[in-house]
C-alpha atoms as a PDB file:
ATOM      1  CA  MET A   1     -12.951  -5.329  26.821  1.00  0.00           C
ATOM      2  CA  PRO A   2     -13.055  -5.875  23.041  1.00  0.00           C
ATOM      3  CA  ALA A   3     -10.442  -4.117  20.934  1.00  0.00           C
ATOM      4  CA  GLU A   4     -11.228  -0.801  19.320  1.00  0.00           C
ATOM      5  CA  ARG A   5     -11.594  -1.154  15.566  1.00  0.00           C
ATOM      6  CA  ILE A   6      -9.303   1.008  13.474  1.00  0.00           C
ATOM      7  CA  ASP A   7     -11.599   2.324  10.735  1.00  0.00           C
ATOM      8  CA  GLY A   8      -9.614   2.271   7.499  1.00  0.00           C
ATOM      9  CA  VAL A   9     -12.578   3.530   5.487  1.00  0.00           C
ATOM     10  CA  ALA A  10     -12.871   6.708   7.562  1.00  0.00           C
ATOM     11  CA  ILE A  11      -9.121   7.362   7.652  1.00  0.00           C
ATOM     12  CA  ALA A  12      -8.804   6.748   3.906  1.00  0.00           C
ATOM     13  CA  ALA A  13     -11.599   9.275   3.366  1.00  0.00           C
ATOM     14  CA  LYS A  14      -9.579  11.872   5.312  1.00  0.00           C
ATOM     15  CA  VAL A  15      -6.493  11.163   3.194  1.00  0.00           C
ATOM     16  CA  ARG A  16      -8.499  11.433  -0.011  1.00  0.00           C
ATOM     17  CA  ALA A  17     -10.018  14.737   1.144  1.00  0.00           C
ATOM     18  CA  ARG A  18      -6.516  16.112   1.741  1.00  0.00           C
ATOM     19  CA  VAL A  19      -5.451  14.837  -1.683  1.00  0.00           C
ATOM     20  CA  ALA A  20      -8.423  16.545  -3.329  1.00  0.00           C
ATOM     21  CA  ALA A  21      -7.572  19.824  -1.575  1.00  0.00           C
ATOM     22  CA  GLU A  22      -3.954  19.656  -2.728  1.00  0.00           C
ATOM     23  CA  ALA A  23      -5.037  18.722  -6.255  1.00  0.00           C
ATOM     24  CA  ALA A  24      -7.246  21.820  -6.278  1.00  0.00           C
ATOM     25  CA  THR A  25      -4.313  23.966  -5.107  1.00  0.00           C
ATOM     26  CA  LEU A  26      -2.132  22.591  -7.895  1.00  0.00           C
ATOM     27  CA  GLY A  27      -4.995  23.078 -10.346  1.00  0.00           C
ATOM     28  CA  ALA A  28      -5.022  26.781  -9.505  1.00  0.00           C
ATOM     29  CA  LEU A  29      -1.359  26.805 -10.568  1.00  0.00           C
ATOM     30  CA  GLY A  30      -2.215  25.186 -13.886  1.00  0.00           C
ATOM     31  CA  VAL A  31      -1.186  21.662 -12.862  1.00  0.00           C
ATOM     32  CA  GLN A  32      -3.664  18.773 -12.864  1.00  0.00           C
ATOM     33  CA  PRO A  33      -2.113  15.714 -11.212  1.00  0.00           C
ATOM     34  CA  GLY A  34      -2.310  12.784 -13.597  1.00  0.00           C
ATOM     35  CA  LEU A  35      -2.057   9.042 -12.984  1.00  0.00           C
ATOM     36  CA  THR A  36      -1.812   6.521 -15.799  1.00  0.00           C
ATOM     37  CA  VAL A  37      -2.375   2.850 -15.076  1.00  0.00           C
ATOM     38  CA  VAL A  38      -1.278   0.255 -17.606  1.00  0.00           C
ATOM     39  CA  LEU A  39      -3.200  -3.032 -17.576  1.00  0.00           C
ATOM     40  CA  VAL A  40      -1.867  -5.937 -19.617  1.00  0.00           C
ATOM     41  CA  GLY A  41      -4.327  -8.764 -20.085  1.00  0.00           C
ATOM     42  CA  ASP A  42      -7.858  -9.297 -18.810  1.00  0.00           C
ATOM     43  CA  ASP A  43      -7.452 -10.640 -15.286  1.00  0.00           C
ATOM     44  CA  PRO A  44     -10.809  -9.828 -13.597  1.00  0.00           C
ATOM     45  CA  ALA A  45      -9.307  -8.885 -10.226  1.00  0.00           C
ATOM     46  CA  SER A  46      -6.748  -6.588 -11.859  1.00  0.00           C
ATOM     47  CA  ALA A  47      -9.447  -4.990 -14.011  1.00  0.00           C
ATOM     48  CA  PHE A  48     -11.532  -4.316 -10.887  1.00  0.00           C
ATOM     49  CA  TYR A  49      -8.631  -2.669  -9.063  1.00  0.00           C
ATOM     50  CA  VAL A  50      -7.740  -0.563 -12.104  1.00  0.00           C
ATOM     51  CA  GLY A  51     -11.315   0.656 -12.410  1.00  0.00           C
ATOM     52  CA  ALA A  52     -11.359   1.608  -8.734  1.00  0.00           C
ATOM     53  CA  LYS A  53      -8.131   3.588  -9.127  1.00  0.00           C
ATOM     54  CA  GLU A  54      -9.442   5.475 -12.162  1.00  0.00           C
ATOM     55  CA  LYS A  55     -12.680   6.347 -10.331  1.00  0.00           C
ATOM     56  CA  ALA A  56     -10.750   7.499  -7.252  1.00  0.00           C
ATOM     57  CA  CYS A  57      -8.633   9.827  -9.394  1.00  0.00           C
ATOM     58  CA  ARG A  58     -11.680  11.484 -10.895  1.00  0.00           C
ATOM     59  CA  GLU A  59     -13.277  11.931  -7.471  1.00  0.00           C
ATOM     60  CA  ALA A  60     -10.113  13.679  -6.246  1.00  0.00           C
ATOM     61  CA  GLY A  61     -10.058  16.094  -9.175  1.00  0.00           C
ATOM     62  CA  MET A  62      -7.131  14.312 -10.788  1.00  0.00           C
ATOM     63  CA  ARG A  63      -6.668  13.002 -14.300  1.00  0.00           C
ATOM     64  CA  GLY A  64      -6.957   9.232 -14.343  1.00  0.00           C
ATOM     65  CA  GLU A  65      -6.142   7.265 -17.478  1.00  0.00           C
ATOM     66  CA  THR A  66      -6.030   3.531 -18.109  1.00  0.00           C
ATOM     67  CA  ILE A  67      -4.116   1.988 -20.992  1.00  0.00           C
ATOM     68  CA  ARG A  68      -5.323  -1.538 -21.716  1.00  0.00           C
ATOM     69  CA  LEU A  69      -3.075  -3.895 -23.663  1.00  0.00           C
ATOM     70  CA  PRO A  70      -3.808  -7.469 -24.789  1.00  0.00           C
ATOM     71  CA  ALA A  71      -2.207 -10.291 -22.822  1.00  0.00           C
ATOM     72  CA  ALA A  72      -0.145 -11.243 -25.882  1.00  0.00           C
ATOM     73  CA  THR A  73       1.478  -7.794 -26.094  1.00  0.00           C
ATOM     74  CA  PRO A  74       5.259  -8.178 -26.564  1.00  0.00           C
ATOM     75  CA  GLU A  75       7.343  -6.985 -23.647  1.00  0.00           C
ATOM     76  CA  ALA A  76       9.111  -4.483 -25.908  1.00  0.00           C
ATOM     77  CA  GLU A  77       5.778  -2.863 -26.725  1.00  0.00           C
ATOM     78  CA  LEU A  78       4.933  -2.426 -23.034  1.00  0.00           C
ATOM     79  CA  LEU A  79       8.371  -0.906 -22.411  1.00  0.00           C
ATOM     80  CA  ALA A  80       7.764   1.507 -25.293  1.00  0.00           C
ATOM     81  CA  VAL A  81       4.474   2.580 -23.686  1.00  0.00           C
ATOM     82  CA  ILE A  82       6.318   3.239 -20.423  1.00  0.00           C
ATOM     83  CA  ASP A  83       8.957   5.267 -22.270  1.00  0.00           C
ATOM     84  CA  ARG A  84       6.211   7.405 -23.794  1.00  0.00           C
ATOM     85  CA  LEU A  85       4.602   8.003 -20.408  1.00  0.00           C
ATOM     86  CA  ASN A  86       7.963   8.830 -18.851  1.00  0.00           C
ATOM     87  CA  ALA A  87       8.371  11.600 -21.418  1.00  0.00           C
ATOM     88  CA  ASP A  88       4.811  12.980 -21.076  1.00  0.00           C
ATOM     89  CA  PRO A  89       4.783  16.029 -18.741  1.00  0.00           C
ATOM     90  CA  ALA A  90       1.035  15.593 -18.124  1.00  0.00           C
ATOM     91  CA  VAL A  91       1.649  12.186 -16.526  1.00  0.00           C
ATOM     92  CA  HIS A  92       2.892  12.476 -12.945  1.00  0.00           C
ATOM     93  CA  GLY A  93       2.327   8.896 -11.850  1.00  0.00           C
ATOM     94  CA  ILE A  94       2.753   5.607 -13.719  1.00  0.00           C
ATOM     95  CA  LEU A  95       1.530   2.261 -12.433  1.00  0.00           C
ATOM     96  CA  VAL A  96       1.779  -1.028 -14.297  1.00  0.00           C
ATOM     97  CA  GLN A  97      -0.807  -3.317 -12.741  1.00  0.00           C
ATOM     98  CA  MET A  98       0.721  -6.554 -11.501  1.00  0.00           C
ATOM     99  CA  PRO A  99       0.888  -9.366 -12.257  1.00  0.00           C
ATOM    100  CA  VAL A 100       2.000  -8.957 -15.858  1.00  0.00           C
ATOM    101  CA  PRO A 101       1.801 -11.957 -18.255  1.00  0.00           C
ATOM    102  CA  LYS A 102       4.419 -14.655 -17.762  1.00  0.00           C
ATOM    103  CA  HIS A 103       6.383 -13.739 -20.890  1.00  0.00           C
ATOM    104  CA  MET A 104       7.244 -10.365 -19.309  1.00  0.00           C
ATOM    105  CA  ASP A 105       9.901  -9.704 -16.669  1.00  0.00           C
ATOM    106  CA  PRO A 106       8.164  -7.700 -13.899  1.00  0.00           C
ATOM    107  CA  GLN A 107      11.460  -6.322 -12.594  1.00  0.00           C
ATOM    108  CA  LYS A 108      12.441  -5.061 -16.046  1.00  0.00           C
ATOM    109  CA  VAL A 109       9.032  -3.396 -16.311  1.00  0.00           C
ATOM    110  CA  ILE A 110       9.301  -1.743 -12.891  1.00  0.00           C
ATOM    111  CA  ARG A 111      12.865  -0.551 -13.524  1.00  0.00           C
ATOM    112  CA  ARG A 112      11.774   1.076 -16.789  1.00  0.00           C
ATOM    113  CA  ILE A 113       9.462   3.508 -14.977  1.00  0.00           C
ATOM    114  CA  ASP A 114      10.947   6.917 -14.169  1.00  0.00           C
ATOM    115  CA  PRO A 115      11.519   6.765 -10.369  1.00  0.00           C
ATOM    116  CA  THR A 116      10.006  10.254 -10.018  1.00  0.00           C
ATOM    117  CA  LYS A 117       6.773   8.841 -11.519  1.00  0.00           C
ATOM    118  CA  ASP A 118       6.886   5.486  -9.727  1.00  0.00           C
ATOM    119  CA  VAL A 119       3.960   6.179  -7.402  1.00  0.00           C
ATOM    120  CA  ASP A 120       3.667   2.466  -6.604  1.00  0.00           C
ATOM    121  CA  GLY A 121       7.049   2.776  -4.862  1.00  0.00           C
ATOM    122  CA  PHE A 122       8.560  -0.407  -6.302  1.00  0.00           C
ATOM    123  CA  HIS A 123      11.504   0.981  -8.306  1.00  0.00           C
ATOM    124  CA  PRO A 124      14.884   0.161  -6.705  1.00  0.00           C
ATOM    125  CA  VAL A 125      15.642   3.887  -6.410  1.00  0.00           C
ATOM    126  CA  ASN A 126      12.517   4.416  -4.312  1.00  0.00           C
ATOM    127  CA  ALA A 127      13.163   1.250  -2.310  1.00  0.00           C
ATOM    128  CA  GLY A 128      16.596   2.634  -1.445  1.00  0.00           C
ATOM    129  CA  LYS A 129      15.219   6.054  -0.541  1.00  0.00           C
ATOM    130  CA  VAL A 130      12.630   4.521   1.776  1.00  0.00           C
ATOM    131  CA  LEU A 131      15.341   2.452   3.457  1.00  0.00           C
ATOM    132  CA  ILE A 132      17.560   5.450   4.186  1.00  0.00           C
ATOM    133  CA  GLY A 133      14.664   7.745   5.074  1.00  0.00           C
ATOM    134  CA  ASP A 134      14.944  10.058   2.060  1.00  0.00           C
ATOM    135  CA  ALA A 135      11.724  12.076   1.966  1.00  0.00           C
ATOM    136  CA  ASP A 136      11.906  12.380  -1.830  1.00  0.00           C
ATOM    137  CA  GLY A 137      11.188   8.657  -2.224  1.00  0.00           C
ATOM    138  CA  PHE A 138       7.790   7.066  -2.774  1.00  0.00           C
ATOM    139  CA  ALA A 139       6.910   4.326  -0.297  1.00  0.00           C
ATOM    140  CA  PRO A 140       4.764   1.400  -1.484  1.00  0.00           C
ATOM    141  CA  CYS A 141       1.148   2.282  -0.879  1.00  0.00           C
ATOM    142  CA  THR A 142       0.114  -0.500   1.502  1.00  0.00           C
ATOM    143  CA  PRO A 143       2.874  -0.081   4.124  1.00  0.00           C
ATOM    144  CA  ALA A 144       2.597   3.695   3.789  1.00  0.00           C
ATOM    145  CA  GLY A 145      -1.118   3.308   4.464  1.00  0.00           C
ATOM    146  CA  VAL A 146      -0.448   1.199   7.553  1.00  0.00           C
ATOM    147  CA  GLN A 147       1.823   3.910   8.923  1.00  0.00           C
ATOM    148  CA  VAL A 148      -0.885   6.521   8.360  1.00  0.00           C
ATOM    149  CA  LEU A 149      -3.455   4.265  10.048  1.00  0.00           C
ATOM    150  CA  LEU A 150      -1.241   4.057  13.127  1.00  0.00           C
ATOM    151  CA  ALA A 151      -0.581   7.793  13.235  1.00  0.00           C
ATOM    152  CA  GLU A 152      -4.177   8.862  12.568  1.00  0.00           C
ATOM    153  CA  SER A 153      -5.462   6.424  15.194  1.00  0.00           C
ATOM    154  CA  GLY A 154      -3.219   7.959  17.830  1.00  0.00           C
ATOM    155  CA  VAL A 155      -1.136   4.820  18.293  1.00  0.00           C
ATOM    156  CA  GLU A 156       2.124   5.680  20.058  1.00  0.00           C
ATOM    157  CA  THR A 157       4.902   4.032  18.070  1.00  0.00           C
ATOM    158  CA  ALA A 158       8.088   5.567  19.503  1.00  0.00           C
ATOM    159  CA  GLY A 159      10.107   2.957  21.366  1.00  0.00           C
ATOM    160  CA  LYS A 160       7.536   0.230  20.757  1.00  0.00           C
ATOM    161  CA  GLU A 161       8.285  -3.325  19.688  1.00  0.00           C
ATOM    162  CA  ALA A 162       6.875  -3.868  16.196  1.00  0.00           C
ATOM    163  CA  VAL A 163       6.746  -7.372  14.757  1.00  0.00           C
ATOM    164  CA  ILE A 164       6.001  -7.841  11.065  1.00  0.00           C
ATOM    165  CA  LEU A 165       4.874 -11.183   9.690  1.00  0.00           C
ATOM    166  CA  GLY A 166       6.090 -11.407   6.092  1.00  0.00           C
ATOM    167  CA  ARG A 167       9.181 -10.201   4.233  1.00  0.00           C
ATOM    168  CA  SER A 168       7.758  -9.328   0.817  1.00  0.00           C
ATOM    169  CA  THR A 169       9.069  -6.349  -1.118  1.00  0.00           C
ATOM    170  CA  ILE A 170       5.482  -5.106  -1.372  1.00  0.00           C
ATOM    171  CA  VAL A 171       4.696  -4.946   2.360  1.00  0.00           C
ATOM    172  CA  GLY A 172       7.085  -6.577   4.826  1.00  0.00           C
ATOM    173  CA  LYS A 173      10.456  -5.086   3.914  1.00  0.00           C
ATOM    174  CA  PRO A 174       9.260  -1.508   3.236  1.00  0.00           C
ATOM    175  CA  MET A 175       7.065  -1.672   6.360  1.00  0.00           C
ATOM    176  CA  ALA A 176      10.134  -2.439   8.428  1.00  0.00           C
ATOM    177  CA  ALA A 177      12.046   0.408   6.796  1.00  0.00           C
ATOM    178  CA  LEU A 178       9.255   2.906   7.496  1.00  0.00           C
ATOM    179  CA  LEU A 179       8.788   1.905  11.129  1.00  0.00           C
ATOM    180  CA  MET A 180      12.490   2.085  11.982  1.00  0.00           C
ATOM    181  CA  GLN A 181      12.888   5.658  10.713  1.00  0.00           C
ATOM    182  CA  ALA A 182      12.745   8.645  13.010  1.00  0.00           C
ATOM    183  CA  GLY A 183       9.473  10.543  13.105  1.00  0.00           C
ATOM    184  CA  ARG A 184       5.705  10.313  13.425  1.00  0.00           C
ATOM    185  CA  GLY A 185       4.347   6.814  13.156  1.00  0.00           C
ATOM    186  CA  ALA A 186       7.857   5.340  13.456  1.00  0.00           C
ATOM    187  CA  ASP A 187      10.820   5.098  15.896  1.00  0.00           C
ATOM    188  CA  CYS A 188      10.001   1.420  16.496  1.00  0.00           C
ATOM    189  CA  THR A 189      12.249  -1.499  17.332  1.00  0.00           C
ATOM    190  CA  VAL A 190      11.417  -3.835  14.447  1.00  0.00           C
ATOM    191  CA  THR A 191      11.462  -7.614  14.057  1.00  0.00           C
ATOM    192  CA  VAL A 192      10.614  -9.214  10.697  1.00  0.00           C
ATOM    193  CA  CYS A 193       9.390 -12.816  10.787  1.00  0.00           C
ATOM    194  CA  HIS A 194       8.975 -15.163   7.834  1.00  0.00           C
ATOM    195  CA  SER A 195       8.521 -18.798   6.841  1.00  0.00           C
ATOM    196  CA  ARG A 196      11.902 -19.824   8.296  1.00  0.00           C
ATOM    197  CA  THR A 197      11.434 -18.066  11.645  1.00  0.00           C
ATOM    198  CA  LYS A 198      11.686 -20.459  14.584  1.00  0.00           C
ATOM    199  CA  ASP A 199       9.129 -20.261  17.405  1.00  0.00           C
ATOM    200  CA  LEU A 200       7.045 -17.616  15.666  1.00  0.00           C
ATOM    201  CA  ALA A 201       4.694 -17.139  18.621  1.00  0.00           C
ATOM    202  CA  ALA A 202       7.593 -16.196  20.888  1.00  0.00           C
ATOM    203  CA  HIS A 203       8.254 -13.231  18.609  1.00  0.00           C
ATOM    204  CA  THR A 204       4.628 -12.188  18.088  1.00  0.00           C
ATOM    205  CA  ARG A 205       3.901 -12.229  21.821  1.00  0.00           C
ATOM    206  CA  ARG A 206       6.580  -9.555  22.313  1.00  0.00           C
ATOM    207  CA  ALA A 207       4.899  -7.190  19.884  1.00  0.00           C
ATOM    208  CA  ASP A 208       3.320  -3.958  21.017  1.00  0.00           C
ATOM    209  CA  ILE A 209       2.388  -3.542  17.349  1.00  0.00           C
ATOM    210  CA  LEU A 210       1.786  -6.704  15.324  1.00  0.00           C
ATOM    211  CA  ILE A 211       1.479  -6.387  11.535  1.00  0.00           C
ATOM    212  CA  ALA A 212       0.338  -9.533   9.729  1.00  0.00           C
ATOM    213  CA  ALA A 213       1.154  -9.650   6.016  1.00  0.00           C
ATOM    214  CA  ILE A 214       1.930 -13.286   5.446  1.00  0.00           C
ATOM    215  CA  GLY A 215      -0.941 -14.375   3.185  1.00  0.00           C
ATOM    216  CA  ARG A 216      -2.252 -17.249   5.304  1.00  0.00           C
ATOM    217  CA  PRO A 217      -5.939 -17.105   6.276  1.00  0.00           C
ATOM    218  CA  GLU A 218      -6.538 -16.486   9.980  1.00  0.00           C
ATOM    219  CA  MET A 219      -3.093 -17.756  10.932  1.00  0.00           C
ATOM    220  CA  VAL A 220      -2.673 -15.359  13.869  1.00  0.00           C
ATOM    221  CA  THR A 221      -4.585 -16.605  16.888  1.00  0.00           C
ATOM    222  CA  ALA A 222      -5.227 -15.048  20.290  1.00  0.00           C
ATOM    223  CA  ASP A 223      -2.473 -17.015  22.029  1.00  0.00           C
ATOM    224  CA  MET A 224       0.069 -15.407  19.667  1.00  0.00           C
ATOM    225  CA  VAL A 225      -0.859 -11.855  20.696  1.00  0.00           C
ATOM    226  CA  LYS A 226       0.363  -9.820  23.653  1.00  0.00           C
ATOM    227  CA  PRO A 227      -2.575  -8.470  25.699  1.00  0.00           C
ATOM    228  CA  GLY A 228      -3.177  -4.851  24.748  1.00  0.00           C
ATOM    229  CA  ALA A 229      -1.239  -5.049  21.476  1.00  0.00           C
ATOM    230  CA  VAL A 230      -2.240  -3.124  18.356  1.00  0.00           C
ATOM    231  CA  VAL A 231      -2.908  -5.600  15.548  1.00  0.00           C
ATOM    232  CA  ILE A 232      -2.819  -4.551  11.895  1.00  0.00           C
ATOM    233  CA  ASP A 233      -4.118  -7.177   9.470  1.00  0.00           C
ATOM    234  CA  VAL A 234      -2.852  -6.662   5.908  1.00  0.00           C
ATOM    235  CA  GLY A 235      -4.056 -10.041   4.664  1.00  0.00           C
ATOM    236  CA  ILE A 236      -6.854 -10.456   2.134  1.00  0.00           C
ATOM    237  CA  ASN A 237      -7.726 -14.119   1.634  1.00  0.00           C
ATOM    238  CA  ARG A 238     -10.683 -15.834   0.017  1.00  0.00           C
ATOM    239  CA  VAL A 239     -11.885 -18.935   1.864  1.00  0.00           C
ATOM    240  CA  ASP A 240     -14.692 -21.265   0.845  1.00  0.00           C
ATOM    241  CA  ASP A 241     -17.915 -20.839   2.798  1.00  0.00           C
ATOM    242  CA  PRO A 242     -20.980 -22.649   1.448  1.00  0.00           C
ATOM    243  CA  ALA A 243     -23.145 -20.816   3.984  1.00  0.00           C
ATOM    244  CA  THR A 244     -22.669 -17.519   2.136  1.00  0.00           C
ATOM    245  CA  LYS A 245     -24.445 -16.435  -1.038  1.00  0.00           C
ATOM    246  CA  LYS A 246     -21.183 -16.197  -2.993  1.00  0.00           C
ATOM    247  CA  GLY A 247     -19.847 -19.451  -1.626  1.00  0.00           C
ATOM    248  CA  TYR A 248     -16.832 -17.767  -0.068  1.00  0.00           C
ATOM    249  CA  ARG A 249     -15.860 -15.038   2.378  1.00  0.00           C
ATOM    250  CA  ILE A 250     -12.919 -12.667   2.695  1.00  0.00           C
ATOM    251  CA  VAL A 251     -10.753 -12.985   5.784  1.00  0.00           C
ATOM    252  CA  GLY A 252      -7.427 -11.581   6.876  1.00  0.00           C
ATOM    253  CA  ASP A 253      -4.317 -13.222   8.268  1.00  0.00           C
ATOM    254  CA  VAL A 254      -5.719 -12.733  11.791  1.00  0.00           C
ATOM    255  CA  ARG A 255      -8.521 -14.699  13.447  1.00  0.00           C
ATOM    256  CA  PHE A 256     -10.418 -11.509  14.090  1.00  0.00           C
ATOM    257  CA  ASP A 257     -12.991 -12.342  16.766  1.00  0.00           C
ATOM    258  CA  GLU A 258     -10.653 -14.107  19.158  1.00  0.00           C
ATOM    259  CA  VAL A 259      -7.732 -11.705  18.661  1.00  0.00           C
ATOM    260  CA  ALA A 260     -10.055  -8.723  19.155  1.00  0.00           C
ATOM    261  CA  ALA A 261     -10.725 -10.032  22.655  1.00  0.00           C
ATOM    262  CA  VAL A 262      -7.020  -9.707  23.497  1.00  0.00           C
ATOM    263  CA  ALA A 263      -5.778  -6.703  21.502  1.00  0.00           C
ATOM    264  CA  SER A 264      -6.360  -3.038  22.336  1.00  0.00           C
ATOM    265  CA  ARG A 265      -6.875  -2.010  18.702  1.00  0.00           C
ATOM    266  CA  ILE A 266      -7.318  -4.020  15.527  1.00  0.00           C
ATOM    267  CA  THR A 267      -8.052  -3.508  11.839  1.00  0.00           C
ATOM    268  CA  PRO A 268     -10.956  -5.451  10.321  1.00  0.00           C
ATOM    269  CA  VAL A 269     -10.883  -7.222   6.965  1.00  0.00           C
ATOM    270  CA  PRO A 270     -12.373  -5.784   4.869  1.00  0.00           C
ATOM    271  CA  GLY A 271     -12.485  -2.135   5.893  1.00  0.00           C
ATOM    272  CA  GLY A 272      -9.067  -1.797   7.477  1.00  0.00           C
ATOM    273  CA  VAL A 273      -5.844  -1.575   5.489  1.00  0.00           C
ATOM    274  CA  GLY A 274      -7.458  -2.133   2.087  1.00  0.00           C
ATOM    275  CA  PRO A 275      -9.016   1.314   1.573  1.00  0.00           C
ATOM    276  CA  MET A 276      -5.706   2.944   2.474  1.00  0.00           C
ATOM    277  CA  THR A 277      -3.854   1.496  -0.520  1.00  0.00           C
ATOM    278  CA  ILE A 278      -5.698   3.540  -3.153  1.00  0.00           C
ATOM    279  CA  ALA A 279      -5.733   6.587  -0.864  1.00  0.00           C
ATOM    280  CA  MET A 280      -1.937   6.477  -0.602  1.00  0.00           C
ATOM    281  CA  LEU A 281      -1.605   5.940  -4.360  1.00  0.00           C
ATOM    282  CA  LEU A 282      -3.500   9.205  -4.863  1.00  0.00           C
ATOM    283  CA  ALA A 283      -1.349  10.911  -2.216  1.00  0.00           C
ATOM    284  CA  ASN A 284       1.846   9.737  -3.941  1.00  0.00           C
ATOM    285  CA  THR A 285       0.585  10.981  -7.309  1.00  0.00           C
ATOM    286  CA  VAL A 286      -0.280  14.428  -5.985  1.00  0.00           C
ATOM    287  CA  ARG A 287       3.113  14.639  -4.299  1.00  0.00           C
ATOM    288  CA  ALA A 288       4.807  13.611  -7.546  1.00  0.00           C
ATOM    289  CA  ALA A 289       2.948  16.403  -9.347  1.00  0.00           C
ATOM    290  CA  ARG A 290       3.945  18.941  -6.705  1.00  0.00           C
ATOM    291  CA  LEU A 291       7.605  17.895  -6.739  1.00  0.00           C
ATOM    292  CA  ARG A 292       7.718  18.089 -10.538  1.00  0.00           C
ATOM    293  CA  HIS A 293       6.057  21.515 -10.503  1.00  0.00           C
ATOM    294  CA  GLU A 294       8.492  22.796  -7.867  1.00  0.00           C
ATOM    295  CA  GLY A 295      11.422  21.384  -9.806  1.00  0.00           C
ATOM    296  CA  ALA A 296      10.259  23.088 -13.002  1.00  0.00           C
ATOM    297  CA  ALA A 297       9.814  26.382 -11.127  1.00  0.00           C
ATOM    298  CA  ARG A 298      13.430  26.260  -9.946  1.00  0.00           C
ATOM    299  CA  THR A 299      14.837  25.765 -13.438  1.00  0.00           C
END
């Protein structure tokens, strides 16, 4: 029996509806959650993502602002922009779209953002909070979205073997931290595999929950998957395909059709994890606004 598709579009819509409701509640208290995205340069893919984030903010009743800077902007000027946003009480979330130009240090840029406004979840303070299970921290949006996908789909995670392919700071490492915590969508026994892992298939075939975030098109094949496993495909890869109008197609890290014949549930690409990333960015921003409002009320 073919695997059930986990519909990321539908689940993201639920998250965004909850965000809009909370934004309206905060609005009644005189607080409009605000996200500012800083885009340095004119990379087309980055510009597309930034536009989507701004549109999503407006649809949720939030204030969305984009600051566009030329690619030649000195690093010091970008840091000054971040300092200004850190000090602006109307800005609850700050996101510097990556990648930044090569003359800038991305870690210096990330560390300059106030951790309480780091809704991307990349600041070391938030990375540490996610690792220790501190609820005040902001988890990176993609792994947080995967956890919500699992929970909203009714996937039982407690006591399950979760195998993650990829050890990036954007997905793999925070995904492991989230799944090993206690609570809904967690309580897993976690294995993280990477480019130096020996006998990769021996690890993936143990997985009750397999999360592929390794950036290699259709690398995961059916013989690598335990029958009945839940497979979450985080990969987004462009591969040449002369048969299509655009000359390419988008695929994940999982060979979808053959793995779907083995798995119990699977996320498609596109339409799986992708829509969750912006939804969780909005959720983080609304939470940042609420935490700031509650903090101000206590002082």
